[in-house]
N, C-alpha and C. Protein backbone atom coordinates (compact mmCIF):
# COMPACT_ATOMS: atom_id res chain seq x y z
N MET A 1 77.05 -119.33 -233.16
CA MET A 1 76.98 -117.78 -233.29
C MET A 1 75.99 -117.39 -232.21
N ALA A 2 76.21 -116.08 -231.23
CA ALA A 2 75.28 -115.81 -230.24
C ALA A 2 74.88 -114.48 -230.66
N PHE A 3 73.64 -114.41 -230.49
CA PHE A 3 73.08 -113.16 -230.69
C PHE A 3 72.36 -112.49 -229.43
N ASP A 4 73.44 -112.25 -228.58
CA ASP A 4 73.16 -112.10 -227.10
C ASP A 4 72.30 -110.91 -226.89
N GLN A 5 72.30 -109.93 -227.65
CA GLN A 5 71.63 -108.57 -227.44
C GLN A 5 70.27 -108.47 -228.01
N LEU A 6 69.75 -109.80 -228.77
CA LEU A 6 68.75 -109.80 -229.57
C LEU A 6 67.35 -109.94 -228.44
N ARG A 7 66.54 -109.11 -228.66
CA ARG A 7 65.38 -108.98 -227.70
C ARG A 7 64.10 -109.27 -228.49
N ARG A 8 63.85 -109.46 -229.55
CA ARG A 8 62.81 -110.14 -230.40
C ARG A 8 63.17 -110.94 -231.48
N MET A 9 62.31 -111.97 -231.41
CA MET A 9 62.66 -112.83 -232.68
C MET A 9 61.31 -113.50 -233.18
N ASP A 10 60.78 -112.95 -234.36
CA ASP A 10 59.46 -113.36 -234.78
C ASP A 10 59.75 -113.99 -236.54
N ILE A 11 59.56 -115.09 -236.47
CA ILE A 11 59.75 -115.98 -237.52
C ILE A 11 58.78 -116.51 -237.95
N ASN A 12 58.00 -116.35 -239.50
CA ASN A 12 56.94 -116.79 -239.86
C ASN A 12 57.66 -117.37 -241.34
N ILE A 13 57.64 -118.57 -241.49
CA ILE A 13 58.42 -119.27 -242.91
C ILE A 13 57.20 -119.88 -243.52
N ALA A 14 55.65 -120.00 -243.21
CA ALA A 14 54.53 -120.18 -244.03
C ALA A 14 54.99 -121.69 -244.50
N SER A 15 55.58 -122.65 -243.68
CA SER A 15 55.57 -124.04 -243.90
C SER A 15 55.85 -124.69 -242.50
N ALA A 16 55.69 -126.18 -242.45
CA ALA A 16 55.88 -126.68 -241.33
C ALA A 16 57.22 -126.53 -240.44
N VAL A 17 56.95 -126.45 -239.06
CA VAL A 17 58.11 -126.24 -238.44
C VAL A 17 58.13 -127.66 -237.27
N ASN A 18 59.32 -128.04 -237.40
CA ASN A 18 59.79 -129.20 -236.37
C ASN A 18 60.77 -128.97 -235.39
N LEU A 19 60.64 -128.19 -234.52
CA LEU A 19 61.73 -128.01 -233.43
C LEU A 19 61.40 -128.77 -232.24
N THR A 20 62.64 -129.40 -231.66
CA THR A 20 62.71 -130.03 -230.63
C THR A 20 63.15 -129.32 -229.28
N ASP A 21 62.82 -129.76 -228.21
CA ASP A 21 63.66 -129.15 -226.92
C ASP A 21 65.02 -128.78 -226.98
N LYS A 22 65.70 -129.87 -227.83
CA LYS A 22 67.19 -129.14 -227.74
C LYS A 22 67.43 -127.91 -228.74
N ASP A 23 66.53 -127.94 -229.87
CA ASP A 23 66.68 -127.00 -230.53
C ASP A 23 66.31 -125.58 -230.00
N ILE A 24 65.30 -125.57 -229.48
CA ILE A 24 64.88 -124.39 -228.79
C ILE A 24 65.41 -123.91 -227.46
N LEU A 25 66.15 -124.80 -226.86
CA LEU A 25 67.36 -124.52 -225.92
C LEU A 25 68.52 -123.76 -226.20
N GLU A 26 68.89 -124.33 -227.38
CA GLU A 26 70.12 -123.80 -228.26
C GLU A 26 69.83 -122.44 -228.63
N LEU A 27 68.44 -121.96 -229.25
CA LEU A 27 68.13 -120.94 -229.38
C LEU A 27 68.15 -119.93 -228.19
N ALA A 28 67.74 -120.28 -227.09
CA ALA A 28 67.84 -119.40 -225.72
C ALA A 28 69.24 -119.36 -225.49
N SER A 29 70.08 -120.26 -225.39
CA SER A 29 71.40 -120.12 -225.11
C SER A 29 72.19 -118.98 -225.93
N ALA A 30 71.73 -118.99 -227.20
CA ALA A 30 72.13 -117.96 -228.27
C ALA A 30 71.85 -116.59 -228.05
N SER A 31 70.55 -116.20 -227.53
CA SER A 31 69.81 -115.19 -227.53
C SER A 31 69.09 -115.14 -225.95
N PRO A 32 69.90 -115.16 -225.02
CA PRO A 32 69.49 -115.22 -223.63
C PRO A 32 68.79 -113.83 -223.23
N HIS A 33 68.44 -112.88 -223.89
CA HIS A 33 68.00 -111.80 -223.55
C HIS A 33 66.41 -111.39 -224.12
N LEU A 34 65.97 -112.60 -224.55
CA LEU A 34 64.92 -112.57 -225.64
C LEU A 34 63.70 -112.19 -224.74
N GLU A 35 62.99 -111.23 -225.30
CA GLU A 35 61.59 -110.73 -224.49
C GLU A 35 60.40 -111.22 -225.60
N TYR A 36 60.50 -111.54 -226.53
CA TYR A 36 59.63 -111.91 -227.70
C TYR A 36 60.19 -112.99 -228.36
N LEU A 37 59.48 -114.19 -228.58
CA LEU A 37 59.97 -115.26 -229.24
C LEU A 37 58.48 -116.00 -230.11
N LEU A 38 58.46 -115.42 -231.53
CA LEU A 38 57.29 -115.96 -232.05
C LEU A 38 57.71 -116.71 -233.11
N ILE A 39 57.19 -117.95 -233.27
CA ILE A 39 57.52 -118.76 -234.29
C ILE A 39 56.50 -119.21 -235.06
N ASN A 40 56.13 -118.91 -236.26
CA ASN A 40 54.91 -119.18 -237.13
C ASN A 40 53.60 -118.76 -236.33
N GLU A 41 53.67 -117.52 -235.92
CA GLU A 41 52.53 -117.27 -235.36
C GLU A 41 51.27 -116.85 -236.22
N GLU A 42 51.54 -116.52 -237.61
CA GLU A 42 50.58 -116.05 -238.39
C GLU A 42 50.23 -117.38 -239.07
N TRP A 43 51.23 -118.28 -239.33
CA TRP A 43 50.86 -119.22 -240.08
C TRP A 43 50.35 -120.80 -239.55
N GLY A 44 51.10 -120.86 -238.09
CA GLY A 44 50.76 -121.96 -237.37
C GLY A 44 51.66 -123.03 -237.64
N TRP A 45 51.76 -124.14 -237.25
CA TRP A 45 52.84 -125.30 -237.15
C TRP A 45 52.16 -126.46 -238.21
N LYS A 46 50.99 -126.63 -238.01
CA LYS A 46 50.77 -127.44 -239.03
C LYS A 46 51.14 -129.11 -238.98
N THR A 47 51.78 -129.07 -237.74
CA THR A 47 52.41 -130.40 -237.80
C THR A 47 52.42 -130.70 -236.10
N ILE A 48 52.63 -131.91 -235.75
CA ILE A 48 52.79 -131.92 -233.87
C ILE A 48 54.30 -131.55 -233.65
N ALA A 49 54.20 -130.85 -232.91
CA ALA A 49 55.60 -129.92 -232.22
C ALA A 49 56.19 -131.22 -231.38
N GLY A 50 57.60 -130.74 -231.47
CA GLY A 50 58.75 -131.42 -230.78
C GLY A 50 58.96 -130.73 -229.42
N ILE A 51 58.34 -129.67 -229.23
CA ILE A 51 59.06 -129.06 -227.85
C ILE A 51 57.92 -129.28 -226.85
N THR A 52 58.32 -130.21 -225.74
CA THR A 52 57.49 -130.74 -224.81
C THR A 52 57.34 -129.69 -223.83
N PRO A 53 56.42 -129.79 -222.58
CA PRO A 53 56.50 -129.09 -221.41
C PRO A 53 57.51 -129.02 -220.65
N ASP A 54 58.37 -129.78 -220.55
CA ASP A 54 59.53 -129.75 -219.89
C ASP A 54 60.41 -128.81 -220.50
N GLY A 55 60.64 -128.91 -221.76
CA GLY A 55 61.45 -128.25 -222.64
C GLY A 55 61.07 -126.64 -222.50
N LEU A 56 59.55 -126.42 -222.41
CA LEU A 56 59.22 -125.33 -222.41
C LEU A 56 59.57 -124.70 -220.97
N LEU A 57 59.59 -125.32 -220.01
CA LEU A 57 60.07 -125.01 -218.91
C LEU A 57 61.40 -124.65 -218.57
N GLN A 58 62.02 -125.33 -219.00
CA GLN A 58 63.73 -124.93 -219.40
C GLN A 58 64.00 -123.89 -220.04
N LEU A 59 62.93 -123.53 -221.18
CA LEU A 59 63.24 -122.36 -221.96
C LEU A 59 62.95 -121.00 -220.95
N LEU A 60 61.95 -121.20 -220.18
CA LEU A 60 61.25 -120.10 -219.59
C LEU A 60 62.46 -119.92 -218.29
N GLN A 61 63.05 -120.87 -217.82
CA GLN A 61 63.95 -120.79 -216.77
C GLN A 61 65.10 -120.14 -217.39
N ARG A 62 65.62 -120.35 -218.44
CA ARG A 62 66.67 -119.67 -219.42
C ARG A 62 66.44 -118.10 -219.89
N LEU A 63 65.19 -117.90 -220.21
CA LEU A 63 65.00 -116.71 -221.03
C LEU A 63 64.12 -115.89 -219.68
N LYS A 64 64.84 -115.25 -219.00
CA LYS A 64 64.15 -114.61 -217.76
C LYS A 64 63.69 -113.41 -218.19
N SER A 65 63.99 -112.79 -219.47
CA SER A 65 63.39 -111.50 -219.72
C SER A 65 61.97 -111.87 -220.55
N LEU A 66 61.94 -112.99 -221.04
CA LEU A 66 60.72 -113.49 -221.92
C LEU A 66 59.28 -113.19 -221.54
N HIS A 67 58.79 -112.25 -222.15
CA HIS A 67 57.11 -112.29 -221.65
C HIS A 67 56.05 -112.41 -222.78
N HIS A 68 56.65 -112.82 -224.05
CA HIS A 68 55.83 -113.17 -225.06
C HIS A 68 56.17 -114.20 -225.82
N PHE A 69 55.80 -115.43 -225.76
CA PHE A 69 56.07 -116.38 -226.84
C PHE A 69 54.85 -117.12 -227.51
N CYS A 70 55.13 -117.51 -228.52
CA CYS A 70 54.09 -118.16 -229.57
C CYS A 70 55.07 -119.44 -230.11
N LEU A 71 54.73 -120.56 -229.58
CA LEU A 71 55.40 -122.09 -229.77
C LEU A 71 54.29 -123.16 -229.90
N ALA A 72 54.43 -124.01 -230.77
CA ALA A 72 53.57 -125.17 -230.64
C ALA A 72 54.18 -125.99 -229.33
N VAL A 73 53.33 -126.72 -228.54
CA VAL A 73 53.79 -127.58 -227.62
C VAL A 73 53.14 -129.12 -227.73
N ASP A 74 54.20 -129.92 -227.65
CA ASP A 74 54.01 -131.33 -227.95
C ASP A 74 53.16 -131.83 -226.76
N THR A 75 51.71 -132.25 -226.79
CA THR A 75 51.17 -132.65 -225.68
C THR A 75 51.04 -134.21 -225.59
N TRP A 76 51.36 -134.63 -226.47
CA TRP A 76 51.36 -136.10 -226.62
C TRP A 76 51.59 -136.85 -225.14
N ASP A 77 50.79 -137.87 -224.86
CA ASP A 77 51.32 -138.49 -223.79
C ASP A 77 51.56 -137.80 -222.64
N TYR A 78 51.24 -136.54 -222.33
CA TYR A 78 51.55 -135.72 -221.38
C TYR A 78 50.27 -135.89 -220.33
N THR A 79 50.41 -136.72 -219.58
CA THR A 79 49.04 -137.22 -218.55
C THR A 79 49.57 -136.85 -217.18
N LYS A 80 50.61 -136.42 -216.82
CA LYS A 80 50.99 -136.07 -215.59
C LYS A 80 52.21 -135.28 -215.54
N VAL A 81 52.15 -134.46 -214.77
CA VAL A 81 53.31 -133.02 -214.53
C VAL A 81 54.56 -133.67 -214.10
N SER A 82 55.58 -133.29 -214.70
CA SER A 82 57.00 -134.11 -214.32
C SER A 82 57.59 -133.47 -213.01
N PRO A 83 58.53 -134.29 -212.86
CA PRO A 83 58.95 -133.73 -211.48
C PRO A 83 59.99 -132.38 -211.54
N ALA A 84 60.26 -132.26 -212.97
CA ALA A 84 61.12 -131.06 -213.06
C ALA A 84 60.18 -129.75 -212.74
N LEU A 85 58.69 -129.53 -212.88
CA LEU A 85 58.09 -128.35 -212.67
C LEU A 85 57.86 -128.50 -211.07
N GLU A 86 57.93 -129.40 -210.27
CA GLU A 86 57.91 -129.35 -208.58
C GLU A 86 59.44 -128.77 -208.46
N SER A 87 60.60 -129.36 -209.06
CA SER A 87 61.65 -128.63 -208.56
C SER A 87 61.61 -127.64 -208.82
N ALA A 88 61.29 -126.83 -209.94
CA ALA A 88 61.22 -125.49 -210.42
C ALA A 88 60.39 -124.63 -208.99
N ARG A 89 59.56 -125.19 -208.83
CA ARG A 89 58.42 -124.50 -207.63
C ARG A 89 59.25 -124.31 -206.63
N MET A 90 60.03 -125.50 -206.10
CA MET A 90 60.78 -125.47 -204.81
C MET A 90 61.71 -124.55 -204.95
N VAL A 91 62.39 -124.19 -205.87
CA VAL A 91 63.69 -123.12 -205.81
C VAL A 91 62.85 -121.63 -206.07
N GLY A 92 61.73 -121.62 -206.10
CA GLY A 92 61.00 -120.16 -206.47
C GLY A 92 61.08 -119.72 -207.66
N PHE A 93 61.11 -120.61 -208.62
CA PHE A 93 60.97 -120.08 -210.17
C PHE A 93 59.60 -119.85 -210.77
N ILE A 94 59.51 -118.43 -210.98
CA ILE A 94 58.36 -117.62 -211.41
C ILE A 94 58.84 -116.92 -212.59
N PRO A 95 58.09 -117.15 -213.74
CA PRO A 95 58.45 -116.45 -214.83
C PRO A 95 58.26 -115.16 -214.92
N ARG A 96 58.77 -114.24 -215.85
CA ARG A 96 58.46 -112.63 -215.80
C ARG A 96 56.77 -112.65 -215.91
N MET A 97 56.16 -111.57 -215.13
CA MET A 97 54.81 -111.40 -215.61
C MET A 97 54.64 -110.05 -215.99
N PRO A 98 53.53 -109.76 -216.79
CA PRO A 98 52.74 -110.62 -217.30
C PRO A 98 53.62 -111.43 -218.43
N LEU A 99 52.98 -112.64 -218.56
CA LEU A 99 53.58 -113.54 -219.65
C LEU A 99 52.41 -114.05 -220.41
N SER A 100 52.68 -113.70 -221.92
CA SER A 100 51.34 -114.01 -222.86
C SER A 100 51.81 -115.19 -223.56
N VAL A 101 51.04 -116.17 -223.37
CA VAL A 101 51.23 -117.49 -223.92
C VAL A 101 50.64 -117.85 -225.29
N ASN A 102 51.10 -118.08 -226.15
CA ASN A 102 50.31 -118.45 -227.44
C ASN A 102 51.07 -119.97 -227.65
N VAL A 103 49.92 -120.83 -227.64
CA VAL A 103 50.09 -122.02 -228.19
C VAL A 103 50.06 -122.57 -229.43
N ALA A 104 49.95 -121.50 -230.26
CA ALA A 104 49.66 -121.86 -231.64
C ALA A 104 48.74 -122.74 -232.05
N ASP A 105 48.94 -123.65 -232.97
CA ASP A 105 47.89 -124.55 -233.07
C ASP A 105 48.45 -125.92 -232.60
N SER A 106 48.86 -125.80 -231.27
CA SER A 106 49.25 -127.34 -230.88
C SER A 106 48.34 -128.24 -230.92
N VAL A 107 48.64 -129.28 -230.89
CA VAL A 107 47.60 -130.57 -231.20
C VAL A 107 47.51 -130.88 -229.69
N ILE A 108 46.20 -130.91 -229.04
CA ILE A 108 46.07 -131.46 -227.73
C ILE A 108 45.05 -132.63 -227.77
N HIS A 109 45.39 -133.49 -226.91
CA HIS A 109 44.52 -134.68 -226.53
C HIS A 109 43.70 -134.43 -225.22
N PRO A 110 42.46 -134.99 -225.16
CA PRO A 110 41.48 -135.02 -223.89
C PRO A 110 42.24 -135.16 -222.77
N GLU A 111 42.93 -136.41 -222.80
CA GLU A 111 43.62 -137.18 -221.88
C GLU A 111 44.95 -136.10 -221.17
N SER A 112 45.04 -135.23 -221.87
CA SER A 112 46.15 -134.36 -221.61
C SER A 112 46.00 -132.98 -221.00
N VAL A 113 44.26 -132.77 -220.66
CA VAL A 113 44.11 -131.47 -220.35
C VAL A 113 44.30 -131.30 -218.81
N GLY A 114 44.19 -132.36 -218.05
CA GLY A 114 44.38 -132.19 -216.49
C GLY A 114 46.14 -131.97 -216.10
N ALA A 115 46.97 -132.49 -216.82
CA ALA A 115 48.39 -132.39 -216.43
C ALA A 115 48.95 -131.12 -217.26
N LEU A 116 48.16 -130.47 -218.43
CA LEU A 116 48.66 -129.08 -219.02
C LEU A 116 48.33 -128.26 -218.09
N ALA A 117 46.89 -128.30 -217.58
CA ALA A 117 46.59 -127.39 -216.54
C ALA A 117 47.48 -127.21 -215.32
N ASP A 118 47.75 -128.36 -214.65
CA ASP A 118 48.74 -128.50 -213.79
C ASP A 118 49.99 -127.65 -214.08
N PHE A 119 50.55 -128.19 -215.21
CA PHE A 119 51.75 -127.40 -215.56
C PHE A 119 51.68 -125.79 -216.00
N PHE A 120 50.67 -125.50 -216.67
CA PHE A 120 50.65 -124.17 -217.00
C PHE A 120 50.25 -123.34 -215.71
N GLY A 121 49.29 -123.79 -214.86
CA GLY A 121 49.00 -123.43 -213.70
C GLY A 121 50.07 -123.27 -212.56
N GLY A 122 51.29 -124.01 -212.64
CA GLY A 122 52.15 -124.09 -212.04
C GLY A 122 53.47 -123.08 -212.29
N ILE A 123 53.30 -122.93 -213.64
CA ILE A 123 54.48 -121.76 -214.08
C ILE A 123 53.92 -120.36 -214.01
N MET A 124 52.54 -120.12 -214.27
CA MET A 124 51.65 -119.14 -214.21
C MET A 124 51.64 -118.50 -213.05
N GLN A 125 51.41 -119.09 -211.86
CA GLN A 125 51.37 -118.52 -210.49
C GLN A 125 52.14 -117.65 -210.12
N PRO A 126 51.87 -116.51 -209.35
CA PRO A 126 50.64 -116.36 -208.77
C PRO A 126 49.90 -115.34 -209.67
N HIS A 127 50.39 -114.92 -210.77
CA HIS A 127 49.78 -113.62 -211.32
C HIS A 127 48.74 -114.13 -212.59
N VAL A 128 47.99 -115.18 -212.47
CA VAL A 128 47.06 -115.30 -213.76
C VAL A 128 45.85 -114.74 -213.79
N ASP A 129 45.91 -114.18 -215.17
CA ASP A 129 44.59 -113.65 -215.41
C ASP A 129 44.10 -113.99 -216.79
N SER A 130 43.15 -113.71 -217.18
CA SER A 130 42.69 -114.10 -218.67
C SER A 130 43.57 -113.63 -219.88
N SER A 131 44.05 -112.37 -219.33
CA SER A 131 44.76 -111.79 -220.41
C SER A 131 46.27 -112.40 -220.69
N SER A 132 46.77 -113.14 -219.73
CA SER A 132 47.97 -113.79 -219.92
C SER A 132 47.84 -114.82 -220.77
N TRP A 133 46.73 -115.57 -221.17
CA TRP A 133 46.50 -116.44 -222.15
C TRP A 133 45.80 -116.09 -223.38
N TYR A 134 46.37 -116.60 -224.50
CA TYR A 134 45.51 -116.51 -225.67
C TYR A 134 46.37 -117.49 -226.90
N TRP A 135 45.66 -118.08 -227.82
CA TRP A 135 46.15 -118.75 -228.67
C TRP A 135 45.71 -118.42 -229.93
N SER A 136 46.44 -118.80 -231.21
CA SER A 136 46.12 -118.40 -232.40
C SER A 136 44.86 -119.11 -232.95
N THR A 137 44.00 -118.27 -233.31
CA THR A 137 42.71 -118.80 -233.85
C THR A 137 42.99 -119.02 -235.53
N SER A 138 43.33 -118.08 -235.92
CA SER A 138 43.52 -118.06 -237.46
C SER A 138 44.51 -119.49 -237.98
N ALA A 139 45.66 -119.73 -237.15
CA ALA A 139 46.15 -120.96 -237.51
C ALA A 139 45.22 -122.05 -237.30
N MET A 140 44.63 -122.36 -236.18
CA MET A 140 43.88 -123.49 -236.17
C MET A 140 42.65 -123.65 -237.09
N ALA A 141 42.05 -122.59 -237.68
CA ALA A 141 40.99 -122.50 -238.31
C ALA A 141 41.24 -123.41 -239.57
N ASP A 142 42.52 -123.36 -240.22
CA ASP A 142 42.71 -124.43 -241.21
C ASP A 142 42.40 -125.95 -240.72
N ARG A 143 42.32 -126.12 -239.81
CA ARG A 143 42.55 -127.62 -239.21
C ARG A 143 40.90 -128.36 -239.02
N LEU A 144 40.69 -129.53 -239.36
CA LEU A 144 39.64 -130.03 -239.43
C LEU A 144 39.27 -130.15 -237.77
N ASP A 145 39.93 -130.08 -236.90
CA ASP A 145 39.38 -130.31 -235.30
C ASP A 145 39.90 -128.99 -234.75
N SER A 146 39.85 -127.89 -235.15
CA SER A 146 40.00 -126.72 -234.55
C SER A 146 38.89 -126.22 -233.60
N GLU A 147 37.93 -126.67 -233.58
CA GLU A 147 37.06 -126.28 -232.63
C GLU A 147 37.17 -127.21 -231.28
N ILE A 148 37.44 -128.37 -231.63
CA ILE A 148 37.64 -129.16 -230.50
C ILE A 148 38.91 -128.83 -229.92
N SER A 149 40.15 -128.38 -230.94
CA SER A 149 41.25 -128.05 -230.07
C SER A 149 41.00 -126.66 -229.41
N ARG A 150 40.42 -125.93 -229.76
CA ARG A 150 40.10 -124.47 -228.95
C ARG A 150 39.32 -124.77 -227.65
N LYS A 151 38.49 -125.71 -227.67
CA LYS A 151 37.84 -125.86 -226.48
C LYS A 151 38.46 -126.74 -225.47
N LEU A 152 39.40 -127.52 -225.94
CA LEU A 152 40.02 -128.22 -225.01
C LEU A 152 41.40 -127.18 -224.49
N TRP A 153 41.80 -126.30 -225.21
CA TRP A 153 42.59 -125.68 -224.89
C TRP A 153 41.99 -124.57 -223.92
N GLU A 154 40.81 -124.20 -224.06
CA GLU A 154 40.16 -123.21 -223.39
C GLU A 154 40.00 -124.01 -221.77
N ASP A 155 39.70 -125.32 -221.66
CA ASP A 155 39.50 -125.73 -220.51
C ASP A 155 40.82 -125.85 -219.98
N VAL A 156 42.07 -126.17 -220.55
CA VAL A 156 43.40 -126.09 -220.23
C VAL A 156 43.66 -124.66 -219.05
N PHE A 157 43.25 -123.47 -219.88
CA PHE A 157 43.40 -122.14 -219.41
C PHE A 157 42.66 -122.06 -218.10
N VAL A 158 41.25 -122.23 -218.40
CA VAL A 158 40.49 -122.23 -217.21
C VAL A 158 41.14 -123.14 -215.86
N LYS A 159 41.38 -124.26 -216.03
CA LYS A 159 41.62 -124.92 -214.98
C LYS A 159 43.23 -124.67 -214.41
N ALA A 160 43.99 -123.94 -215.41
CA ALA A 160 45.15 -123.46 -214.99
C ALA A 160 45.28 -122.18 -214.06
N GLN A 161 44.23 -121.47 -214.48
CA GLN A 161 43.91 -120.12 -213.57
C GLN A 161 43.35 -120.72 -212.22
N GLU A 162 42.48 -121.61 -212.12
CA GLU A 162 42.38 -122.19 -210.73
C GLU A 162 43.13 -122.68 -210.01
N LYS A 163 44.07 -123.37 -210.54
CA LYS A 163 45.32 -124.23 -210.00
C LYS A 163 46.65 -122.99 -209.71
N ALA A 164 46.55 -122.13 -210.53
CA ALA A 164 47.63 -120.78 -210.31
C ALA A 164 47.11 -120.07 -208.81
N ARG A 165 45.79 -119.72 -208.92
CA ARG A 165 45.26 -119.30 -207.43
C ARG A 165 45.48 -120.19 -206.21
N THR A 166 45.14 -121.22 -206.49
CA THR A 166 45.69 -122.43 -205.61
C THR A 166 46.81 -122.57 -204.87
N HIS A 167 47.75 -122.34 -205.86
CA HIS A 167 49.25 -122.28 -205.37
C HIS A 167 49.72 -120.92 -204.78
N ALA A 168 48.99 -119.99 -205.12
CA ALA A 168 49.36 -118.70 -204.46
C ALA A 168 48.87 -118.72 -203.19
N GLN A 169 47.71 -119.09 -202.89
CA GLN A 169 46.74 -119.03 -201.72
C GLN A 169 47.64 -119.86 -200.79
N SER A 170 48.26 -121.11 -201.19
CA SER A 170 48.93 -121.99 -200.23
C SER A 170 50.26 -121.59 -200.19
N SER A 171 50.91 -120.90 -200.84
CA SER A 171 52.29 -120.52 -200.74
C SER A 171 52.56 -118.97 -199.98
N PRO A 172 53.18 -118.96 -198.76
CA PRO A 172 53.42 -117.45 -198.28
C PRO A 172 54.24 -116.81 -199.16
N THR A 173 53.87 -115.64 -198.96
CA THR A 173 54.90 -114.61 -199.77
C THR A 173 56.15 -114.19 -199.06
N ILE A 174 57.17 -113.71 -199.63
CA ILE A 174 58.36 -113.59 -199.00
C ILE A 174 58.10 -112.69 -197.53
N SER A 175 57.30 -111.47 -197.72
CA SER A 175 57.27 -110.56 -196.65
C SER A 175 56.62 -111.40 -195.65
N GLN A 176 55.65 -112.20 -195.86
CA GLN A 176 54.78 -112.81 -194.83
C GLN A 176 55.53 -113.68 -194.17
N THR A 177 56.37 -114.53 -194.78
CA THR A 177 57.39 -115.40 -194.23
C THR A 177 58.31 -114.68 -193.35
N SER A 178 58.80 -113.55 -193.91
CA SER A 178 59.86 -112.61 -192.89
C SER A 178 58.91 -112.19 -191.64
N ASN A 179 57.81 -112.00 -191.63
CA ASN A 179 57.15 -111.44 -190.57
C ASN A 179 56.76 -112.23 -189.58
N ASP A 180 56.38 -113.85 -190.28
CA ASP A 180 56.46 -114.87 -189.43
C ASP A 180 57.43 -115.26 -188.54
N GLU A 181 58.52 -115.00 -189.05
CA GLU A 181 60.01 -115.32 -188.40
C GLU A 181 60.39 -114.61 -187.50
N ARG A 182 59.93 -112.83 -187.84
CA ARG A 182 60.41 -112.16 -186.88
C ARG A 182 59.35 -112.33 -185.44
N THR A 183 58.47 -112.52 -185.78
CA THR A 183 57.25 -112.85 -184.80
C THR A 183 57.63 -113.98 -183.79
N ARG A 184 58.08 -115.10 -184.38
CA ARG A 184 58.38 -116.06 -183.58
C ARG A 184 59.68 -115.60 -182.82
N GLY A 185 60.49 -114.97 -183.57
CA GLY A 185 61.90 -114.44 -182.63
C GLY A 185 61.63 -113.79 -181.44
N ASP A 186 60.69 -112.80 -181.36
CA ASP A 186 60.27 -111.95 -180.63
C ASP A 186 59.71 -112.77 -179.15
N ARG A 187 59.25 -113.96 -179.50
CA ARG A 187 58.53 -114.47 -177.97
C ARG A 187 59.53 -115.09 -177.22
N SER A 188 59.08 -114.90 -175.89
CA SER A 188 59.99 -115.45 -175.04
C SER A 188 59.50 -117.03 -174.67
N PRO A 189 60.50 -117.78 -174.42
CA PRO A 189 60.15 -119.19 -174.20
C PRO A 189 59.20 -119.08 -173.03
């Protein structure tokens, strides 16, 4: 069943959620025009998520109108950015901006901070500012490690902003590229 005209999905079931990349991509296929995708924003996930950063990237590529999402992300063993993000950058993928990101109460491990910063910095460039990032503190409040998780996610977002600025400065804009090509074309040999 396709809900192809659906623009907002806000689901709070007040119990654990365990979605996989496959599940979330099927949802994206059924509702390709979603602008808001919020799952357990008020209650949190209370479990390790099954949505990987690569699955999140595929979701963002499919949902071109999405500008606010709340999903828990699986950061387990995510210590280096996958080739999928580099491929997406090469074809010029940039999600709709501003894009509000809520990682709910995603479990995060210290060794994943650098790779997650690379990932989020890569998808958020070139329009990153602090208003694009937030996460649920009410859901995290129930967890014993909530303060540690909050600090680690803060580190991810600060580093992601730095990475996004670096990507934006090193990548010429379309108009700069066009001007450079015209200038080269006007030169005599």
